[in-house]
Amino acid sequence: MPQPSSLTGLLLAGGLSRRMENQEKAFLPLLDRPMLAHVLARLTPQVGEAVLNANGDPDRFKAFRCRVVADRRQGFLGPLAGVEAAFLTLACDWLLSVPVDTPFFPENLAEKMCEVAQEEAMPVVAQSLGRLHPVITLWPRSILPQLTHALDTKQLRLHDWLAKYPHKVCFFGENREGEDPFFNINTQADRSQAEERIRREEGVV
């Protein structure tokens, strides 16, 4: 069974952020910090190492002090390309992928995902409120050939990929306020809602 301390956390930030007027989500400010800082602060204590999947000049992430892994393929092919690149670059047996626009995922995410994985080398996908979140997945290295085949044959949608391959599901409930722990930020309205949630969680009036 994988252990949280042996996991590599993979923050997926290789997309184009079209719904945010092409503003890079990693640097989108949430109160006084960029979104990436919020997500790193939540992920880093849960895993052995947190790395960032992003394309373009890696020097723009120097202040965050984490390794940057770029896609091996051209064209911004999505999360599957980021996971493939991480396995090809890093010497890890398990990856826990998390999107950079989901700053409220549970603080026991890695622990619960590892419990569901148990002895079988099979992807584990997060689910909350009846909805699967394929970008939030615990990936075993043994899945790399299937990832590569999917990318080679232009099967890029995570939902479609998971429909074809065996996987497990890890169930998460809403928080005490009835909110989805995997709320993600796609619009300016989402950003305002996230800032209100951060203020409440931090006790800021």
N, C-alpha and C. Protein backbone atom coordinates (compact mmCIF):
# COMPACT_ATOMS: atom_id res chain seq x y z
N MET A 1 0.84 -1.20 0.00
CA MET A 1 0.00 0.00 0.00
C MET A 1 0.88 1.25 0.00
N PRO A 2 0.60 2.22 -0.88
CA PRO A 2 1.39 3.46 -0.86
C PRO A 2 1.18 4.21 0.44
N GLN A 3 2.21 4.91 0.89
CA GLN A 3 2.14 5.74 2.09
C GLN A 3 2.20 7.21 1.68
N PRO A 4 1.47 8.08 2.37
CA PRO A 4 1.50 9.50 1.99
C PRO A 4 2.91 10.07 1.91
N SER A 5 3.79 9.67 2.84
CA SER A 5 5.14 10.23 2.84
C SER A 5 5.97 9.80 1.65
N SER A 6 5.52 8.74 0.94
CA SER A 6 6.26 8.29 -0.24
C SER A 6 5.67 8.82 -1.54
N LEU A 7 4.58 9.56 -1.45
CA LEU A 7 3.93 10.08 -2.65
C LEU A 7 4.66 11.31 -3.18
N THR A 8 4.54 11.51 -4.48
CA THR A 8 4.87 12.79 -5.09
C THR A 8 3.57 13.49 -5.44
N GLY A 9 3.39 14.67 -4.90
CA GLY A 9 2.21 15.46 -5.22
C GLY A 9 2.45 16.25 -6.49
N LEU A 10 1.55 16.15 -7.43
CA LEU A 10 1.70 16.80 -8.73
C LEU A 10 0.63 17.88 -8.89
N LEU A 11 1.04 19.13 -8.83
CA LEU A 11 0.13 20.25 -9.04
C LEU A 11 0.04 20.54 -10.53
N LEU A 12 -1.12 20.35 -11.09
CA LEU A 12 -1.32 20.50 -12.53
C LEU A 12 -1.67 21.95 -12.85
N ALA A 13 -0.75 22.62 -13.54
CA ALA A 13 -0.94 24.03 -13.90
C ALA A 13 -0.53 24.28 -15.34
N GLY A 14 -0.72 23.28 -16.19
CA GLY A 14 -0.27 23.39 -17.57
C GLY A 14 -1.32 23.88 -18.54
N GLY A 15 -2.52 24.22 -18.05
CA GLY A 15 -3.60 24.64 -18.94
C GLY A 15 -3.50 26.10 -19.36
N LEU A 16 -4.48 26.51 -20.18
CA LEU A 16 -4.47 27.85 -20.75
C LEU A 16 -5.38 28.84 -20.03
N SER A 17 -6.21 28.39 -19.10
CA SER A 17 -7.08 29.27 -18.31
C SER A 17 -7.95 30.17 -19.19
N ARG A 18 -8.59 29.58 -20.18
CA ARG A 18 -9.39 30.38 -21.12
C ARG A 18 -10.52 31.12 -20.44
N ARG A 19 -11.14 30.51 -19.41
CA ARG A 19 -12.28 31.13 -18.77
C ARG A 19 -11.87 32.24 -17.80
N MET A 20 -10.58 32.40 -17.57
CA MET A 20 -10.09 33.49 -16.73
C MET A 20 -9.35 34.50 -17.58
N GLU A 21 -9.81 34.68 -18.82
CA GLU A 21 -9.22 35.66 -19.74
C GLU A 21 -7.73 35.42 -19.93
N ASN A 22 -7.37 34.12 -19.98
CA ASN A 22 -6.00 33.68 -20.21
C ASN A 22 -5.02 34.13 -19.13
N GLN A 23 -5.54 34.56 -17.98
CA GLN A 23 -4.67 34.88 -16.86
C GLN A 23 -4.22 33.57 -16.21
N GLU A 24 -2.93 33.43 -15.96
CA GLU A 24 -2.41 32.18 -15.42
C GLU A 24 -2.94 31.96 -14.01
N LYS A 25 -3.64 30.86 -13.81
CA LYS A 25 -4.31 30.64 -12.54
C LYS A 25 -3.34 30.53 -11.37
N ALA A 26 -2.17 29.98 -11.61
CA ALA A 26 -1.22 29.81 -10.51
C ALA A 26 -0.90 31.13 -9.82
N PHE A 27 -0.94 32.24 -10.58
CA PHE A 27 -0.59 33.54 -10.03
C PHE A 27 -1.81 34.40 -9.73
N LEU A 28 -3.00 33.84 -9.91
CA LEU A 28 -4.21 34.59 -9.60
C LEU A 28 -4.25 34.88 -8.10
N PRO A 29 -4.35 36.14 -7.69
CA PRO A 29 -4.33 36.44 -6.25
C PRO A 29 -5.61 36.03 -5.56
N LEU A 30 -5.45 35.35 -4.43
CA LEU A 30 -6.55 35.07 -3.51
C LEU A 30 -6.19 35.75 -2.20
N LEU A 31 -6.86 36.83 -1.91
CA LEU A 31 -6.49 37.72 -0.81
C LEU A 31 -5.06 38.18 -1.00
N ASP A 32 -4.15 37.81 -0.12
CA ASP A 32 -2.81 38.37 -0.20
C ASP A 32 -1.78 37.40 -0.79
N ARG A 33 -2.24 36.27 -1.33
CA ARG A 33 -1.29 35.29 -1.87
C ARG A 33 -1.78 34.75 -3.20
N PRO A 34 -0.84 34.34 -4.09
CA PRO A 34 -1.27 33.71 -5.33
C PRO A 34 -1.89 32.35 -5.05
N MET A 35 -2.76 31.91 -5.95
CA MET A 35 -3.46 30.66 -5.75
C MET A 35 -2.50 29.50 -5.54
N LEU A 36 -1.40 29.49 -6.28
CA LEU A 36 -0.43 28.40 -6.14
C LEU A 36 0.08 28.28 -4.72
N ALA A 37 0.28 29.39 -4.04
CA ALA A 37 0.77 29.35 -2.66
C ALA A 37 -0.25 28.68 -1.74
N HIS A 38 -1.52 28.96 -1.95
CA HIS A 38 -2.57 28.32 -1.14
C HIS A 38 -2.57 26.81 -1.35
N VAL A 39 -2.48 26.39 -2.62
CA VAL A 39 -2.56 24.97 -2.92
C VAL A 39 -1.31 24.24 -2.44
N LEU A 40 -0.15 24.85 -2.61
CA LEU A 40 1.08 24.25 -2.11
C LEU A 40 1.05 24.08 -0.60
N ALA A 41 0.54 25.08 0.10
CA ALA A 41 0.48 25.01 1.56
C ALA A 41 -0.40 23.86 2.02
N ARG A 42 -1.41 23.51 1.24
CA ARG A 42 -2.30 22.42 1.62
C ARG A 42 -1.73 21.06 1.22
N LEU A 43 -1.02 21.01 0.09
CA LEU A 43 -0.52 19.73 -0.42
C LEU A 43 0.80 19.30 0.22
N THR A 44 1.72 20.23 0.41
CA THR A 44 3.09 19.89 0.84
C THR A 44 3.13 19.06 2.12
N PRO A 45 2.34 19.36 3.16
CA PRO A 45 2.41 18.53 4.37
C PRO A 45 1.88 17.11 4.19
N GLN A 46 1.19 16.86 3.09
CA GLN A 46 0.56 15.56 2.91
C GLN A 46 1.40 14.56 2.13
N VAL A 47 2.46 15.02 1.47
CA VAL A 47 3.22 14.16 0.55
C VAL A 47 4.71 14.27 0.83
N GLY A 48 5.48 13.37 0.18
CA GLY A 48 6.93 13.43 0.34
C GLY A 48 7.55 14.61 -0.38
N GLU A 49 7.02 14.93 -1.56
CA GLU A 49 7.50 16.07 -2.34
C GLU A 49 6.35 16.58 -3.20
N ALA A 50 6.27 17.88 -3.35
CA ALA A 50 5.29 18.49 -4.25
C ALA A 50 6.03 19.09 -5.44
N VAL A 51 5.59 18.76 -6.64
CA VAL A 51 6.18 19.30 -7.86
C VAL A 51 5.06 19.95 -8.68
N LEU A 52 5.47 20.78 -9.62
CA LEU A 52 4.52 21.54 -10.42
C LEU A 52 4.63 21.15 -11.88
N ASN A 53 3.51 20.82 -12.49
CA ASN A 53 3.47 20.62 -13.94
C ASN A 53 3.02 21.92 -14.59
N ALA A 54 3.92 22.55 -15.33
CA ALA A 54 3.61 23.81 -16.00
C ALA A 54 4.51 23.93 -17.22
N ASN A 55 4.02 24.66 -18.20
CA ASN A 55 4.78 24.86 -19.43
C ASN A 55 5.28 26.30 -19.51
N GLY A 56 6.22 26.55 -20.41
CA GLY A 56 6.81 27.88 -20.51
C GLY A 56 8.02 28.01 -19.62
N ASP A 57 8.43 29.25 -19.36
CA ASP A 57 9.64 29.53 -18.59
C ASP A 57 9.46 29.10 -17.14
N PRO A 58 10.24 28.11 -16.67
CA PRO A 58 10.08 27.67 -15.28
C PRO A 58 10.57 28.68 -14.25
N ASP A 59 11.38 29.65 -14.67
CA ASP A 59 11.92 30.62 -13.72
C ASP A 59 10.85 31.46 -13.05
N ARG A 60 9.68 31.56 -13.67
CA ARG A 60 8.63 32.38 -13.06
C ARG A 60 8.10 31.77 -11.78
N PHE A 61 8.46 30.50 -11.53
CA PHE A 61 8.00 29.83 -10.31
C PHE A 61 9.09 29.73 -9.24
N LYS A 62 10.21 30.41 -9.43
CA LYS A 62 11.34 30.29 -8.50
C LYS A 62 10.95 30.57 -7.06
N ALA A 63 10.09 31.54 -6.85
CA ALA A 63 9.74 31.93 -5.48
C ALA A 63 9.03 30.82 -4.72
N PHE A 64 8.47 29.84 -5.44
CA PHE A 64 7.71 28.78 -4.77
C PHE A 64 8.58 27.59 -4.37
N ARG A 65 9.81 27.56 -4.83
CA ARG A 65 10.79 26.56 -4.40
C ARG A 65 10.29 25.13 -4.58
N CYS A 66 9.74 24.85 -5.74
CA CYS A 66 9.37 23.47 -6.05
C CYS A 66 9.81 23.16 -7.48
N ARG A 67 10.08 21.90 -7.72
CA ARG A 67 10.49 21.49 -9.05
C ARG A 67 9.37 21.70 -10.05
N VAL A 68 9.74 22.05 -11.27
CA VAL A 68 8.77 22.26 -12.34
C VAL A 68 9.00 21.21 -13.43
N VAL A 69 7.95 20.50 -13.79
CA VAL A 69 8.00 19.48 -14.84
C VAL A 69 7.12 19.95 -15.99
N ALA A 70 7.70 20.11 -17.17
CA ALA A 70 6.94 20.53 -18.34
C ALA A 70 6.43 19.32 -19.11
N ASP A 71 5.34 19.51 -19.85
CA ASP A 71 4.84 18.45 -20.71
C ASP A 71 5.92 18.02 -21.70
N ARG A 72 5.93 16.75 -22.04
CA ARG A 72 6.85 16.24 -23.06
C ARG A 72 6.26 16.40 -24.47
N ARG A 73 5.01 16.77 -24.55
CA ARG A 73 4.31 16.88 -25.82
C ARG A 73 3.89 18.33 -26.06
N GLN A 74 3.80 18.70 -27.32
CA GLN A 74 3.40 20.04 -27.68
C GLN A 74 1.88 20.14 -27.73
N GLY A 75 1.37 21.35 -27.49
CA GLY A 75 -0.04 21.60 -27.76
C GLY A 75 -0.96 21.64 -26.57
N PHE A 76 -0.46 21.68 -25.33
CA PHE A 76 -1.33 21.78 -24.15
C PHE A 76 -2.41 20.70 -24.19
N LEU A 77 -2.00 19.46 -24.04
CA LEU A 77 -2.90 18.32 -24.19
C LEU A 77 -3.66 17.96 -22.92
N GLY A 78 -3.44 18.68 -21.85
CA GLY A 78 -4.25 18.46 -20.66
C GLY A 78 -3.59 17.63 -19.58
N PRO A 79 -4.37 17.24 -18.56
CA PRO A 79 -3.82 16.57 -17.38
C PRO A 79 -3.08 15.27 -17.68
N LEU A 80 -3.58 14.47 -18.63
CA LEU A 80 -2.89 13.21 -18.93
C LEU A 80 -1.46 13.45 -19.36
N ALA A 81 -1.22 14.51 -20.13
CA ALA A 81 0.14 14.84 -20.57
C ALA A 81 1.01 15.25 -19.39
N GLY A 82 0.42 15.93 -18.41
CA GLY A 82 1.18 16.32 -17.23
C GLY A 82 1.57 15.12 -16.39
N VAL A 83 0.64 14.18 -16.21
CA VAL A 83 0.94 12.98 -15.44
C VAL A 83 2.00 12.14 -16.16
N GLU A 84 1.87 12.00 -17.47
CA GLU A 84 2.89 11.25 -18.22
C GLU A 84 4.26 11.89 -18.07
N ALA A 85 4.33 13.21 -18.21
CA ALA A 85 5.61 13.91 -18.10
C ALA A 85 6.24 13.71 -16.72
N ALA A 86 5.41 13.74 -15.68
CA ALA A 86 5.93 13.57 -14.33
C ALA A 86 6.53 12.18 -14.14
N PHE A 87 5.84 11.14 -14.61
CA PHE A 87 6.38 9.79 -14.48
C PHE A 87 7.66 9.61 -15.30
N LEU A 88 7.74 10.27 -16.46
CA LEU A 88 8.94 10.15 -17.30
C LEU A 88 10.12 10.94 -16.72
N THR A 89 9.82 11.92 -15.89
CA THR A 89 10.88 12.79 -15.35
C THR A 89 11.32 12.38 -13.96
N LEU A 90 10.39 11.90 -13.14
CA LEU A 90 10.65 11.65 -11.73
C LEU A 90 10.74 10.16 -11.43
N ALA A 91 11.51 9.81 -10.42
CA ALA A 91 11.66 8.41 -10.01
C ALA A 91 10.71 8.11 -8.86
N CYS A 92 9.41 8.18 -9.13
CA CYS A 92 8.42 7.92 -8.09
C CYS A 92 7.51 6.79 -8.52
N ASP A 93 6.97 6.07 -7.55
CA ASP A 93 6.07 4.96 -7.84
C ASP A 93 4.61 5.39 -7.88
N TRP A 94 4.28 6.46 -7.14
CA TRP A 94 2.89 6.94 -7.09
C TRP A 94 2.88 8.45 -7.19
N LEU A 95 1.90 8.96 -7.95
CA LEU A 95 1.67 10.40 -8.07
C LEU A 95 0.26 10.72 -7.58
N LEU A 96 0.13 11.79 -6.82
CA LEU A 96 -1.18 12.30 -6.45
C LEU A 96 -1.36 13.63 -7.18
N SER A 97 -2.22 13.63 -8.20
CA SER A 97 -2.42 14.84 -9.00
C SER A 97 -3.54 15.69 -8.41
N VAL A 98 -3.29 17.00 -8.42
CA VAL A 98 -4.25 17.98 -7.89
C VAL A 98 -4.19 19.21 -8.80
N PRO A 99 -5.34 19.76 -9.20
CA PRO A 99 -5.31 20.97 -10.03
C PRO A 99 -4.97 22.21 -9.22
N VAL A 100 -4.35 23.16 -9.87
CA VAL A 100 -3.91 24.35 -9.16
C VAL A 100 -5.07 25.28 -8.82
N ASP A 101 -6.27 25.01 -9.37
CA ASP A 101 -7.40 25.90 -9.12
C ASP A 101 -8.38 25.35 -8.09
N THR A 102 -7.93 24.39 -7.27
CA THR A 102 -8.80 23.76 -6.27
C THR A 102 -8.14 23.90 -4.89
N PRO A 103 -8.27 25.06 -4.25
CA PRO A 103 -7.48 25.34 -3.04
C PRO A 103 -8.03 24.79 -1.74
N PHE A 104 -9.19 24.09 -1.76
CA PHE A 104 -9.81 23.66 -0.51
C PHE A 104 -9.88 22.14 -0.37
N PHE A 105 -9.10 21.41 -1.17
CA PHE A 105 -9.17 19.95 -1.06
C PHE A 105 -8.80 19.51 0.36
N PRO A 106 -9.30 18.35 0.81
CA PRO A 106 -9.16 17.96 2.22
C PRO A 106 -7.69 17.84 2.66
N GLU A 107 -7.48 18.16 3.92
CA GLU A 107 -6.13 18.06 4.48
C GLU A 107 -5.71 16.62 4.72
N ASN A 108 -6.65 15.68 4.60
CA ASN A 108 -6.32 14.26 4.68
C ASN A 108 -6.51 13.57 3.33
N LEU A 109 -6.42 14.33 2.25
CA LEU A 109 -6.62 13.79 0.91
C LEU A 109 -5.68 12.62 0.64
N ALA A 110 -4.38 12.82 0.83
CA ALA A 110 -3.40 11.78 0.53
C ALA A 110 -3.62 10.54 1.39
N GLU A 111 -3.90 10.76 2.66
CA GLU A 111 -4.11 9.63 3.58
C GLU A 111 -5.28 8.76 3.13
N LYS A 112 -6.42 9.39 2.81
CA LYS A 112 -7.60 8.64 2.42
C LYS A 112 -7.41 7.95 1.07
N MET A 113 -6.74 8.62 0.14
CA MET A 113 -6.51 8.02 -1.17
C MET A 113 -5.61 6.79 -1.04
N CYS A 114 -4.61 6.86 -0.19
CA CYS A 114 -3.72 5.72 0.02
C CYS A 114 -4.46 4.55 0.66
N GLU A 115 -5.36 4.84 1.58
CA GLU A 115 -6.14 3.78 2.21
C GLU A 115 -6.98 3.02 1.19
N VAL A 116 -7.54 3.72 0.24
CA VAL A 116 -8.35 3.07 -0.79
C VAL A 116 -7.48 2.27 -1.75
N ALA A 117 -6.27 2.75 -2.02
CA ALA A 117 -5.37 2.06 -2.96
C ALA A 117 -5.02 0.66 -2.46
N GLN A 118 -4.72 0.53 -1.18
CA GLN A 118 -4.36 -0.75 -0.57
C GLN A 118 -3.26 -1.43 -1.39
N GLU A 119 -3.44 -2.72 -1.73
CA GLU A 119 -2.37 -3.48 -2.37
C GLU A 119 -2.39 -3.40 -3.89
N GLU A 120 -3.47 -2.91 -4.47
CA GLU A 120 -3.62 -2.97 -5.92
C GLU A 120 -3.06 -1.72 -6.59
N ALA A 121 -2.25 -1.92 -7.63
CA ALA A 121 -1.69 -0.80 -8.38
C ALA A 121 -2.73 -0.33 -9.40
N MET A 122 -3.69 0.45 -8.91
CA MET A 122 -4.81 0.90 -9.72
C MET A 122 -5.08 2.36 -9.38
N PRO A 123 -5.40 3.20 -10.37
CA PRO A 123 -5.70 4.60 -10.05
C PRO A 123 -6.86 4.71 -9.06
N VAL A 124 -6.77 5.72 -8.19
CA VAL A 124 -7.84 6.02 -7.24
C VAL A 124 -8.30 7.45 -7.52
N VAL A 125 -9.59 7.61 -7.79
CA VAL A 125 -10.16 8.89 -8.18
C VAL A 125 -11.01 9.45 -7.03
N ALA A 126 -10.87 10.75 -6.77
CA ALA A 126 -11.67 11.40 -5.73
C ALA A 126 -13.09 11.64 -6.22
N GLN A 127 -14.04 11.53 -5.28
CA GLN A 127 -15.44 11.83 -5.57
C GLN A 127 -16.03 12.59 -4.39
N SER A 128 -16.84 13.57 -4.69
CA SER A 128 -17.58 14.30 -3.64
C SER A 128 -18.95 14.67 -4.16
N LEU A 129 -19.94 14.60 -3.29
CA LEU A 129 -21.30 15.01 -3.60
C LEU A 129 -21.80 14.36 -4.89
N GLY A 130 -21.44 13.09 -5.09
CA GLY A 130 -21.90 12.34 -6.24
C GLY A 130 -21.18 12.63 -7.53
N ARG A 131 -20.10 13.39 -7.48
CA ARG A 131 -19.38 13.79 -8.70
C ARG A 131 -17.93 13.34 -8.64
N LEU A 132 -17.48 12.68 -9.71
CA LEU A 132 -16.08 12.29 -9.82
C LEU A 132 -15.23 13.51 -10.16
N HIS A 133 -13.99 13.50 -9.64
CA HIS A 133 -13.02 14.55 -9.93
C HIS A 133 -11.76 13.90 -10.51
N PRO A 134 -11.75 13.57 -11.80
CA PRO A 134 -10.65 12.79 -12.36
C PRO A 134 -9.28 13.47 -12.29
N VAL A 135 -9.25 14.80 -12.19
CA VAL A 135 -7.95 15.47 -12.10
C VAL A 135 -7.32 15.21 -10.73
N ILE A 136 -8.15 14.85 -9.75
CA ILE A 136 -7.64 14.54 -8.40
C ILE A 136 -7.58 13.02 -8.29
N THR A 137 -6.45 12.47 -8.65
CA THR A 137 -6.28 11.02 -8.77
C THR A 137 -4.93 10.60 -8.21
N LEU A 138 -4.91 9.44 -7.58
CA LEU A 138 -3.68 8.79 -7.15
C LEU A 138 -3.29 7.80 -8.24
N TRP A 139 -2.12 8.02 -8.86
CA TRP A 139 -1.70 7.26 -10.04
C TRP A 139 -0.54 6.34 -9.71
N PRO A 140 -0.61 5.04 -10.03
CA PRO A 140 0.56 4.16 -9.91
C PRO A 140 1.40 4.23 -11.18
N ARG A 141 2.69 4.05 -11.04
CA ARG A 141 3.57 4.10 -12.21
C ARG A 141 3.21 3.05 -13.25
N SER A 142 2.65 1.94 -12.83
CA SER A 142 2.31 0.86 -13.76
C SER A 142 1.30 1.29 -14.82
N ILE A 143 0.64 2.43 -14.61
CA ILE A 143 -0.36 2.89 -15.55
C ILE A 143 0.26 3.68 -16.70
N LEU A 144 1.55 3.98 -16.64
CA LEU A 144 2.20 4.83 -17.64
C LEU A 144 2.00 4.35 -19.07
N PRO A 145 2.15 3.04 -19.41
CA PRO A 145 1.92 2.63 -20.80
C PRO A 145 0.52 2.96 -21.31
N GLN A 146 -0.49 2.82 -20.46
CA GLN A 146 -1.84 3.16 -20.87
C GLN A 146 -2.01 4.66 -21.08
N LEU A 147 -1.36 5.46 -20.23
CA LEU A 147 -1.40 6.90 -20.42
C LEU A 147 -0.78 7.29 -21.76
N THR A 148 0.38 6.72 -22.03
CA THR A 148 1.08 7.03 -23.28
C THR A 148 0.27 6.62 -24.49
N HIS A 149 -0.36 5.45 -24.42
CA HIS A 149 -1.20 5.00 -25.54
C HIS A 149 -2.36 5.96 -25.76
N ALA A 150 -3.00 6.39 -24.69
CA ALA A 150 -4.12 7.31 -24.81
C ALA A 150 -3.68 8.61 -25.48
N LEU A 151 -2.54 9.14 -25.07
CA LEU A 151 -2.05 10.38 -25.66
C LEU A 151 -1.65 10.18 -27.11
N ASP A 152 -1.03 9.05 -27.42
CA ASP A 152 -0.63 8.78 -28.81
C ASP A 152 -1.83 8.69 -29.73
N THR A 153 -2.95 8.22 -29.21
CA THR A 153 -4.15 8.03 -30.02
C THR A 153 -5.17 9.16 -29.81
N LYS A 154 -4.72 10.26 -29.20
CA LYS A 154 -5.54 11.47 -29.02
C LYS A 154 -6.77 11.26 -28.15
N GLN A 155 -6.69 10.32 -27.20
CA GLN A 155 -7.75 10.15 -26.21
C GLN A 155 -7.38 11.00 -24.99
N LEU A 156 -7.78 12.24 -25.01
CA LEU A 156 -7.25 13.22 -24.07
C LEU A 156 -8.14 13.50 -22.88
N ARG A 157 -9.42 13.18 -22.96
CA ARG A 157 -10.35 13.50 -21.87
C ARG A 157 -10.21 12.49 -20.73
N LEU A 158 -10.00 13.01 -19.53
CA LEU A 158 -9.82 12.14 -18.38
C LEU A 158 -11.06 11.28 -18.11
N HIS A 159 -12.24 11.85 -18.24
CA HIS A 159 -13.46 11.07 -18.01
C HIS A 159 -13.53 9.88 -18.97
N ASP A 160 -13.18 10.12 -20.23
CA ASP A 160 -13.21 9.03 -21.22
C ASP A 160 -12.16 7.98 -20.90
N TRP A 161 -11.00 8.43 -20.46
CA TRP A 161 -9.92 7.49 -20.14
C TRP A 161 -10.32 6.59 -18.98
N LEU A 162 -10.91 7.18 -17.95
CA LEU A 162 -11.28 6.40 -16.78
C LEU A 162 -12.42 5.43 -17.08
N ALA A 163 -13.23 5.75 -18.08
CA ALA A 163 -14.32 4.84 -18.45
C ALA A 163 -13.78 3.55 -19.06
N LYS A 164 -12.53 3.58 -19.52
CA LYS A 164 -11.96 2.41 -20.21
C LYS A 164 -11.05 1.57 -19.32
N TYR A 165 -10.56 2.16 -18.22
CA TYR A 165 -9.56 1.46 -17.41
C TYR A 165 -10.06 1.25 -15.99
N PRO A 166 -9.73 0.13 -15.39
CA PRO A 166 -10.15 -0.12 -14.00
C PRO A 166 -9.57 0.94 -13.05
N HIS A 167 -10.37 1.34 -12.11
CA HIS A 167 -9.92 2.31 -11.11
C HIS A 167 -10.81 2.18 -9.88
N LYS A 168 -10.36 2.77 -8.79
CA LYS A 168 -11.13 2.82 -7.56
C LYS A 168 -11.60 4.24 -7.32
N VAL A 169 -12.54 4.39 -6.41
CA VAL A 169 -13.08 5.70 -6.08
C VAL A 169 -12.92 5.94 -4.57
N CYS A 170 -12.47 7.12 -4.22
CA CYS A 170 -12.35 7.53 -2.82
C CYS A 170 -13.40 8.60 -2.56
N PHE A 171 -14.30 8.34 -1.61
CA PHE A 171 -15.45 9.22 -1.38
C PHE A 171 -15.13 10.25 -0.29
N PHE A 172 -15.48 11.49 -0.57
CA PHE A 172 -15.33 12.59 0.38
C PHE A 172 -16.68 13.30 0.51
N GLY A 173 -16.99 13.71 1.74
CA GLY A 173 -18.24 14.42 1.97
C GLY A 173 -18.04 15.93 1.95
N GLU A 174 -19.12 16.65 2.10
CA GLU A 174 -19.05 18.10 2.18
C GLU A 174 -18.44 18.51 3.52
N ASN A 175 -17.99 19.75 3.60
CA ASN A 175 -17.43 20.23 4.85
C ASN A 175 -18.55 20.64 5.81
N ARG A 176 -18.20 21.19 6.95
CA ARG A 176 -19.19 21.51 7.98
C ARG A 176 -20.19 22.57 7.51
N GLU A 177 -19.78 23.39 6.55
CA GLU A 177 -20.67 24.41 6.02
C GLU A 177 -21.46 23.92 4.81
N GLY A 178 -21.34 22.61 4.50
CA GLY A 178 -22.07 22.06 3.37
C GLY A 178 -21.45 22.36 2.03
N GLU A 179 -20.17 22.71 2.02
CA GLU A 179 -19.49 23.09 0.78
C GLU A 179 -18.68 21.92 0.22
N ASP A 180 -18.50 21.94 -1.08
CA ASP A 180 -17.73 20.91 -1.76
C ASP A 180 -16.24 21.13 -1.47
N PRO A 181 -15.53 20.11 -0.96
CA PRO A 181 -14.09 20.29 -0.71
C PRO A 181 -13.29 20.46 -2.00
N PHE A 182 -13.88 20.10 -3.13
CA PHE A 182 -13.17 20.21 -4.41
C PHE A 182 -13.71 21.34 -5.27
N PHE A 183 -14.23 22.36 -4.62
CA PHE A 183 -14.64 23.59 -5.33
C PHE A 183 -13.45 24.12 -6.11
N ASN A 184 -13.68 24.42 -7.41
CA ASN A 184 -12.57 24.93 -8.20
C ASN A 184 -12.92 26.30 -8.79
N ILE A 185 -11.90 27.04 -9.12
CA ILE A 185 -12.04 28.45 -9.51
C ILE A 185 -11.87 28.57 -11.02
N ASN A 186 -12.96 28.91 -11.70
CA ASN A 186 -12.92 29.07 -13.15
C ASN A 186 -13.31 30.47 -13.61
N THR A 187 -13.95 31.24 -12.74
CA THR A 187 -14.43 32.57 -13.12
C THR A 187 -14.10 33.56 -12.01
N GLN A 188 -14.28 34.84 -12.32
CA GLN A 188 -14.04 35.86 -11.30
C GLN A 188 -15.03 35.72 -10.14
N ALA A 189 -16.25 35.27 -10.45
CA ALA A 189 -17.22 35.04 -9.37
C ALA A 189 -16.75 33.92 -8.46
N ASP A 190 -16.18 32.85 -9.03
CA ASP A 190 -15.62 31.77 -8.23
C ASP A 190 -14.50 32.29 -7.34
N ARG A 191 -13.70 33.18 -7.90
CA ARG A 191 -12.58 33.74 -7.12
C ARG A 191 -13.10 34.52 -5.92
N SER A 192 -14.13 35.33 -6.12
CA SER A 192 -14.71 36.09 -5.00
C SER A 192 -15.26 35.15 -3.94
N GLN A 193 -15.92 34.09 -4.38
CA GLN A 193 -16.46 33.11 -3.44
C GLN A 193 -15.35 32.43 -2.66
N ALA A 194 -14.25 32.12 -3.34
CA ALA A 194 -13.11 31.48 -2.67
C ALA A 194 -12.49 32.41 -1.63
N GLU A 195 -12.40 33.69 -1.94
CA GLU A 195 -11.83 34.63 -0.98
C GLU A 195 -12.70 34.74 0.27
N GLU A 196 -14.01 34.73 0.08
CA GLU A 196 -14.91 34.74 1.24
C GLU A 196 -14.71 33.49 2.10
N ARG A 197 -14.51 32.37 1.45
CA ARG A 197 -14.31 31.10 2.17
C ARG A 197 -12.99 31.11 2.93
N ILE A 198 -11.95 31.67 2.32
CA ILE A 198 -10.65 31.76 3.01
C ILE A 198 -10.76 32.66 4.23
N ARG A 199 -11.44 33.78 4.09
CA ARG A 199 -11.62 34.69 5.23
C ARG A 199 -12.32 33.97 6.39
N ARG A 200 -13.36 33.21 6.05
CA ARG A 200 -14.10 32.52 7.08
C ARG A 200 -13.23 31.45 7.75
N GLU A 201 -12.49 30.68 6.94
CA GLU A 201 -11.66 29.61 7.50
C GLU A 201 -10.52 30.17 8.36
N GLU A 202 -10.02 31.34 7.99
CA GLU A 202 -8.92 31.94 8.74
C GLU A 202 -9.40 32.86 9.85
N GLY A 203 -10.73 32.98 9.97
CA GLY A 203 -11.27 33.83 11.02
C GLY A 203 -11.09 35.30 10.78
N VAL A 204 -10.98 35.68 9.50
CA VAL A 204 -10.80 37.10 9.15
C VAL A 204 -12.17 37.70 8.87
N VAL A 205 -12.51 38.79 9.56
CA VAL A 205 -13.82 39.45 9.38
C VAL A 205 -13.78 40.33 8.14
